[in-house]
C-alpha atoms as a PDB file:
ATOM      1  CA  MET A   1      39.152  -3.909  21.303  1.00  0.00           C
ATOM      2  CA  ALA A   2      35.811  -5.532  20.334  1.00  0.00           C
ATOM      3  CA  ILE A   3      33.216  -3.513  18.437  1.00  0.00           C
ATOM      4  CA  GLU A   4      29.469  -4.029  18.584  1.00  0.00           C
ATOM      5  CA  THR A   5      26.773  -2.562  16.350  1.00  0.00           C
ATOM      6  CA  VAL A   6      23.232  -1.948  17.541  1.00  0.00           C
ATOM      7  CA  ILE A   7      20.312  -0.579  15.556  1.00  0.00           C
ATOM      8  CA  GLY A   8      19.257   2.693  17.155  1.00  0.00           C
ATOM      9  CA  LYS A   9      16.360   3.856  15.047  1.00  0.00           C
ATOM     10  CA  ARG A  10      14.482   2.529  11.968  1.00  0.00           C
ATOM     11  CA  ALA A  11      12.233   4.370   9.509  1.00  0.00           C
ATOM     12  CA  LEU A  12      10.188   3.511   6.434  1.00  0.00           C
ATOM     13  CA  LYS A  13      10.671   5.859   3.467  1.00  0.00           C
ATOM     14  CA  LEU A  14       8.426   5.993   0.440  1.00  0.00           C
ATOM     15  CA  GLU A  15       9.803   7.493  -2.780  1.00  0.00           C
ATOM     16  CA  LEU A  16       6.922   8.788  -4.877  1.00  0.00           C
ATOM     17  CA  ASP A  17       6.822  10.042  -8.474  1.00  0.00           C
ATOM     18  CA  GLY A  18       6.605  13.844  -8.445  1.00  0.00           C
ATOM     19  CA  GLY A  19       6.536  14.193 -12.223  1.00  0.00           C
ATOM     20  CA  THR A  20       9.255  15.715 -14.403  1.00  0.00           C
ATOM     21  CA  VAL A  21      10.800  19.086 -13.907  1.00  0.00           C
ATOM     22  CA  ASP A  22      13.229  20.427 -16.564  1.00  0.00           C
ATOM     23  CA  GLY A  23      13.511  16.927 -18.058  1.00  0.00           C
ATOM     24  CA  LYS A  24      14.458  15.233 -14.747  1.00  0.00           C
ATOM     25  CA  GLN A  25      12.259  13.107 -12.574  1.00  0.00           C
ATOM     26  CA  LYS A  26      11.221  14.722  -9.349  1.00  0.00           C
ATOM     27  CA  VAL A  27      11.072  12.368  -6.336  1.00  0.00           C
ATOM     28  CA  VAL A  28       8.785  13.160  -3.380  1.00  0.00           C
ATOM     29  CA  ASN A  29       9.777  11.451  -0.073  1.00  0.00           C
ATOM     30  CA  LYS A  30       7.417  10.470   2.767  1.00  0.00           C
ATOM     31  CA  THR A  31       9.084   9.126   5.908  1.00  0.00           C
ATOM     32  CA  TYR A  32       7.474   7.187   8.719  1.00  0.00           C
ATOM     33  CA  ASN A  33       9.585   6.962  11.900  1.00  0.00           C
ATOM     34  CA  ASN A  34       9.599   4.620  14.897  1.00  0.00           C
ATOM     35  CA  ILE A  35       9.341   1.360  12.997  1.00  0.00           C
ATOM     36  CA  LYS A  36       9.761  -1.662  15.287  1.00  0.00           C
ATOM     37  CA  LEU A  37      13.356  -2.789  15.434  1.00  0.00           C
ATOM     38  CA  ASP A  38      12.291  -6.430  15.017  1.00  0.00           C
ATOM     39  CA  ALA A  39      10.118  -5.830  11.975  1.00  0.00           C
ATOM     40  CA  VAL A  40      11.116  -7.993   9.044  1.00  0.00           C
ATOM     41  CA  ASP A  41      11.844  -6.585   5.568  1.00  0.00           C
ATOM     42  CA  GLU A  42       8.814  -8.318   3.974  1.00  0.00           C
ATOM     43  CA  ASN A  43       6.423  -6.686   6.399  1.00  0.00           C
ATOM     44  CA  ILE A  44       8.061  -3.275   6.038  1.00  0.00           C
ATOM     45  CA  HIS A  45       7.730  -3.485   2.193  1.00  0.00           C
ATOM     46  CA  THR A  46       4.098  -4.676   2.427  1.00  0.00           C
ATOM     47  CA  CYS A  47       3.270  -1.788   4.832  1.00  0.00           C
ATOM     48  CA  GLY A  48       5.008   0.722   2.493  1.00  0.00           C
ATOM     49  CA  ALA A  49       3.126  -0.572  -0.521  1.00  0.00           C
ATOM     50  CA  LEU A  50      -0.229  -0.303   1.369  1.00  0.00           C
ATOM     51  CA  LEU A  51       0.584   3.190   2.591  1.00  0.00           C
ATOM     52  CA  SER A  52       1.415   4.287  -0.951  1.00  0.00           C
ATOM     53  CA  THR A  53      -2.147   3.493  -2.054  1.00  0.00           C
ATOM     54  CA  LEU A  54      -3.250   6.434   0.150  1.00  0.00           C
ATOM     55  CA  GLN A  55      -1.052   8.808  -1.793  1.00  0.00           C
ATOM     56  CA  ASN A  56      -1.937  10.785  -4.924  1.00  0.00           C
ATOM     57  CA  LYS A  57       1.474  10.039  -6.531  1.00  0.00           C
ATOM     58  CA  SER A  58       2.776   6.677  -7.811  1.00  0.00           C
ATOM     59  CA  LEU A  59       5.200   4.634  -5.778  1.00  0.00           C
ATOM     60  CA  LEU A  60       8.736   4.371  -7.094  1.00  0.00           C
ATOM     61  CA  GLN A  61      10.468   2.634  -4.150  1.00  0.00           C
ATOM     62  CA  VAL A  62      10.100   1.505  -0.549  1.00  0.00           C
ATOM     63  CA  LYS A  63      13.218   2.050   1.561  1.00  0.00           C
ATOM     64  CA  LYS A  64      14.219   1.003   5.072  1.00  0.00           C
ATOM     65  CA  VAL A  65      16.421   3.553   6.809  1.00  0.00           C
ATOM     66  CA  GLU A  66      18.428   2.467   9.835  1.00  0.00           C
ATOM     67  CA  GLU A  67      20.611   4.407  12.248  1.00  0.00           C
ATOM     68  CA  THR A  68      23.295   2.101  13.679  1.00  0.00           C
ATOM     69  CA  ILE A  69      25.273   2.746  16.797  1.00  0.00           C
ATOM     70  CA  ILE A  70      28.895   1.423  16.809  1.00  0.00           C
ATOM     71  CA  ARG A  71      30.428   1.079  20.208  1.00  0.00           C
ATOM     72  CA  GLU A  72      33.204  -0.641  22.102  1.00  0.00           C
ATOM     73  CA  VAL A  73      32.352  -3.551  24.363  1.00  0.00           C
END
């Protein structure tokens, strides 16, 4: 039985600094869906960094979120 993996969906997630609450850092997430499946990581990061400049909060991390389909072939 051969197995194949295919990327189903891709999203860009920004983690922003929401300040401190009870001594712990609060993280605010902004997610942008429907990222092109052939987009390279460098372009995704650049886009995330540029989008973060439109936010009131400071950028902590840029993340790429992928949903992968595993199926038999």
